[in-house]
C-alpha atoms as a PDB file:
ATOM      1  CA  MET A   1      16.803 -29.903   9.506  1.00  0.00           C
ATOM      2  CA  ILE A   2      16.870 -26.351   8.167  1.00  0.00           C
ATOM      3  CA  ARG A   3      17.250 -27.606   4.609  1.00  0.00           C
ATOM      4  CA  SER A   4      14.142 -29.770   4.935  1.00  0.00           C
ATOM      5  CA  VAL A   5      12.152 -26.785   6.219  1.00  0.00           C
ATOM      6  CA  ILE A   6      13.284 -24.667   3.256  1.00  0.00           C
ATOM      7  CA  VAL A   7      12.448 -27.423   0.788  1.00  0.00           C
ATOM      8  CA  ALA A   8       9.053 -27.945   2.432  1.00  0.00           C
ATOM      9  CA  ALA A   9       8.358 -24.203   2.271  1.00  0.00           C
ATOM     10  CA  ARG A  10       9.202 -24.093  -1.420  1.00  0.00           C
ATOM     11  CA  THR A  11       7.002 -27.055  -2.307  1.00  0.00           C
ATOM     12  CA  ALA A  12       4.040 -26.029  -0.159  1.00  0.00           C
ATOM     13  CA  SER A  13       0.831 -25.576  -2.071  1.00  0.00           C
ATOM     14  CA  PRO A  14      -0.613 -22.082  -2.508  1.00  0.00           C
ATOM     15  CA  GLY A  15      -3.513 -20.894  -0.369  1.00  0.00           C
ATOM     16  CA  PRO A  16      -7.035 -22.268  -0.644  1.00  0.00           C
ATOM     17  CA  ALA A  17      -9.079 -21.657  -3.774  1.00  0.00           C
ATOM     18  CA  GLY A  18     -10.990 -18.408  -3.801  1.00  0.00           C
ATOM     19  CA  GLU A  19      -8.367 -16.566  -1.778  1.00  0.00           C
ATOM     20  CA  ASP A  20      -7.495 -13.086  -3.021  1.00  0.00           C
ATOM     21  CA  PRO A  21      -4.031 -13.447  -4.624  1.00  0.00           C
ATOM     22  CA  SER A  22      -3.463  -9.684  -4.892  1.00  0.00           C
ATOM     23  CA  GLY A  23      -3.201  -9.025  -1.161  1.00  0.00           C
ATOM     24  CA  PRO A  24      -0.387 -10.126   1.094  1.00  0.00           C
ATOM     25  CA  ALA A  25      -1.234 -13.646   2.247  1.00  0.00           C
ATOM     26  CA  PRO A  26      -0.202 -14.710   5.734  1.00  0.00           C
ATOM     27  CA  HIS A  27       2.182 -17.644   6.042  1.00  0.00           C
ATOM     28  CA  ALA A  28       0.802 -20.831   7.526  1.00  0.00           C
ATOM     29  CA  ALA A  29       2.740 -22.026  10.531  1.00  0.00           C
ATOM     30  CA  PRO A  30       3.409 -25.762  10.918  1.00  0.00           C
ATOM     31  CA  GLY A  31       0.682 -25.966  13.579  1.00  0.00           C
ATOM     32  CA  GLY A  32      -1.892 -24.464  11.217  1.00  0.00           C
ATOM     33  CA  GLU A  33      -1.678 -21.027  12.829  1.00  0.00           C
ATOM     34  CA  GLU A  34      -1.459 -17.959  10.613  1.00  0.00           C
ATOM     35  CA  GLN A  35       1.504 -15.650  10.904  1.00  0.00           C
ATOM     36  CA  ARG A  36       1.949 -12.139   9.615  1.00  0.00           C
ATOM     37  CA  PRO A  37       2.698 -11.565   5.897  1.00  0.00           C
ATOM     38  CA  SER A  38       6.257 -12.022   4.706  1.00  0.00           C
ATOM     39  CA  ARG A  39       8.622  -9.091   4.625  1.00  0.00           C
ATOM     40  CA  SER A  40       8.457  -9.027   0.820  1.00  0.00           C
ATOM     41  CA  ALA A  41       4.650  -8.971   0.876  1.00  0.00           C
ATOM     42  CA  ARG A  42       4.667  -6.116   3.379  1.00  0.00           C
ATOM     43  CA  LYS A  43       7.153  -4.168   1.232  1.00  0.00           C
ATOM     44  CA  ARG A  44       5.007  -4.704  -1.888  1.00  0.00           C
ATOM     45  CA  ALA A  45       1.943  -3.433  -0.026  1.00  0.00           C
ATOM     46  CA  ALA A  46       3.886  -0.416   1.272  1.00  0.00           C
ATOM     47  CA  LEU A  47       5.154   0.440  -2.215  1.00  0.00           C
ATOM     48  CA  ALA A  48       1.641   0.110  -3.638  1.00  0.00           C
ATOM     49  CA  ALA A  49       0.293   2.473  -0.968  1.00  0.00           C
ATOM     50  CA  GLN A  50       3.086   4.956  -1.672  1.00  0.00           C
ATOM     51  CA  ALA A  51       2.448   4.754  -5.436  1.00  0.00           C
ATOM     52  CA  LEU A  52      -1.228   5.504  -4.852  1.00  0.00           C
ATOM     53  CA  GLY A  53      -0.202   8.491  -2.729  1.00  0.00           C
ATOM     54  CA  VAL A  54       2.066   9.747  -5.523  1.00  0.00           C
ATOM     55  CA  ARG A  55      -0.857   9.478  -7.954  1.00  0.00           C
ATOM     56  CA  LEU A  56      -2.902  11.581  -5.538  1.00  0.00           C
ATOM     57  CA  THR A  57      -0.272  14.347  -5.582  1.00  0.00           C
ATOM     58  CA  GLN A  58      -1.018  14.861  -9.280  1.00  0.00           C
ATOM     59  CA  LEU A  59      -4.568  16.023  -8.536  1.00  0.00           C
ATOM     60  CA  THR A  60      -5.536  19.628  -7.977  1.00  0.00           C
ATOM     61  CA  ALA A  61      -6.384  20.895  -4.509  1.00  0.00           C
ATOM     62  CA  ALA A  62     -10.097  20.977  -5.401  1.00  0.00           C
ATOM     63  CA  GLN A  63     -10.000  17.362  -6.607  1.00  0.00           C
ATOM     64  CA  LEU A  64      -8.243  16.307  -3.413  1.00  0.00           C
ATOM     65  CA  GLN A  65     -10.875  18.069  -1.303  1.00  0.00           C
ATOM     66  CA  ALA A  66     -13.609  16.203  -3.188  1.00  0.00           C
ATOM     67  CA  LEU A  67     -12.079  12.830  -2.265  1.00  0.00           C
ATOM     68  CA  GLU A  68     -12.843  13.399   1.439  1.00  0.00           C
ATOM     69  CA  LEU A  69      -9.454  12.159   2.618  1.00  0.00           C
ATOM     70  CA  PRO A  70      -8.359  12.198   6.271  1.00  0.00           C
ATOM     71  CA  GLU A  71      -7.178  15.679   7.267  1.00  0.00           C
ATOM     72  CA  GLU A  72      -3.569  14.645   7.968  1.00  0.00           C
ATOM     73  CA  LEU A  73      -3.255  12.903   4.584  1.00  0.00           C
ATOM     74  CA  LEU A  74      -4.807  15.862   2.775  1.00  0.00           C
ATOM     75  CA  GLU A  75      -2.333  18.251   4.411  1.00  0.00           C
ATOM     76  CA  ALA A  76       0.593  15.977   3.484  1.00  0.00           C
ATOM     77  CA  LEU A  77      -0.566  15.825  -0.150  1.00  0.00           C
ATOM     78  CA  LEU A  78      -0.940  19.602  -0.360  1.00  0.00           C
ATOM     79  CA  GLU A  79       2.511  20.029   1.200  1.00  0.00           C
ATOM     80  CA  ALA A  80       3.987  17.676  -1.429  1.00  0.00           C
ATOM     81  CA  LYS A  81       2.554  19.894  -4.166  1.00  0.00           C
ATOM     82  CA  ARG A  82       4.346  22.885  -2.611  1.00  0.00           C
ATOM     83  CA  LEU A  83       7.799  21.273  -2.265  1.00  0.00           C
ATOM     84  CA  ARG A  84      10.420  21.638  -4.970  1.00  0.00           C
ATOM     85  CA  SER A  85      13.516  19.959  -3.487  1.00  0.00           C
ATOM     86  CA  ARG A  86      13.999  16.400  -4.748  1.00  0.00           C
ATOM     87  CA  ALA A  87      15.101  15.168  -1.315  1.00  0.00           C
ATOM     88  CA  ALA A  88      12.191  16.870   0.415  1.00  0.00           C
ATOM     89  CA  LEU A  89       9.747  15.359  -2.091  1.00  0.00           C
ATOM     90  CA  ALA A  90      11.214  11.890  -1.489  1.00  0.00           C
ATOM     91  CA  ARG A  91      10.741  12.277   2.279  1.00  0.00           C
ATOM     92  CA  GLN A  92       7.212  13.576   1.761  1.00  0.00           C
ATOM     93  CA  ARG A  93       6.344  10.611  -0.503  1.00  0.00           C
ATOM     94  CA  GLN A  94       7.564   8.254   2.224  1.00  0.00           C
ATOM     95  CA  TYR A  95       5.384  10.065   4.754  1.00  0.00           C
ATOM     96  CA  ILE A  96       2.358   9.943   2.439  1.00  0.00           C
ATOM     97  CA  GLY A  97       2.962   6.217   1.969  1.00  0.00           C
ATOM     98  CA  ARG A  98       2.962   5.731   5.734  1.00  0.00           C
ATOM     99  CA  LEU A  99      -0.319   7.624   6.049  1.00  0.00           C
ATOM    100  CA  MET A 100      -1.821   5.627   3.174  1.00  0.00           C
ATOM    101  CA  ARG A 101      -0.988   2.346   4.948  1.00  0.00           C
ATOM    102  CA  GLN A 102      -3.053   3.496   7.933  1.00  0.00           C
ATOM    103  CA  ILE A 103      -6.273   3.847   5.935  1.00  0.00           C
ATOM    104  CA  ASP A 104      -8.281   1.562   3.671  1.00  0.00           C
ATOM    105  CA  ALA A 105      -6.846   2.458   0.275  1.00  0.00           C
ATOM    106  CA  GLU A 106      -9.455   0.734  -1.899  1.00  0.00           C
ATOM    107  CA  PRO A 107     -12.140   3.484  -1.633  1.00  0.00           C
ATOM    108  CA  VAL A 108      -9.451   6.084  -2.349  1.00  0.00           C
ATOM    109  CA  ARG A 109      -8.250   4.097  -5.372  1.00  0.00           C
ATOM    110  CA  ARG A 110     -11.812   3.820  -6.747  1.00  0.00           C
ATOM    111  CA  ALA A 111     -12.475   7.534  -6.214  1.00  0.00           C
ATOM    112  CA  LEU A 112      -9.159   8.436  -7.855  1.00  0.00           C
ATOM    113  CA  ASP A 113      -9.935   6.255 -10.867  1.00  0.00           C
ATOM    114  CA  ALA A 114     -13.389   7.838 -11.171  1.00  0.00           C
ATOM    115  CA  THR A 115     -11.881  11.335 -10.936  1.00  0.00           C
ATOM    116  CA  LEU A 116      -9.281  10.605 -13.593  1.00  0.00           C
ATOM    117  CA  ARG A 117     -11.854   9.130 -16.008  1.00  0.00           C
ATOM    118  CA  ARG A 118     -13.763  12.421 -16.156  1.00  0.00           C
END
């Protein structure tokens, strides 16, 4: 029984045409209901958010202010610029990643790209 479910999951067709392949797609349950994204998809999204946060730490304080980020995220980014300990920076990057997952990252990504092109 379990083997047939695994085989069926592997041979299932991808999502409908026109669906955004870059974002984590929810799994379709046997009854047609949608479930949450897979653990791997959630981890990829979390790592992408953290990587965007790390890119933000490379900006100056004035550039960060211009992005109009949420206050808590802005403070975390400025704190990351102040830290020197490798372990402390790793913890701060994790925290920034968590804050980035709570906001819509696409406007931040576009603003960052525009800032870096100048």
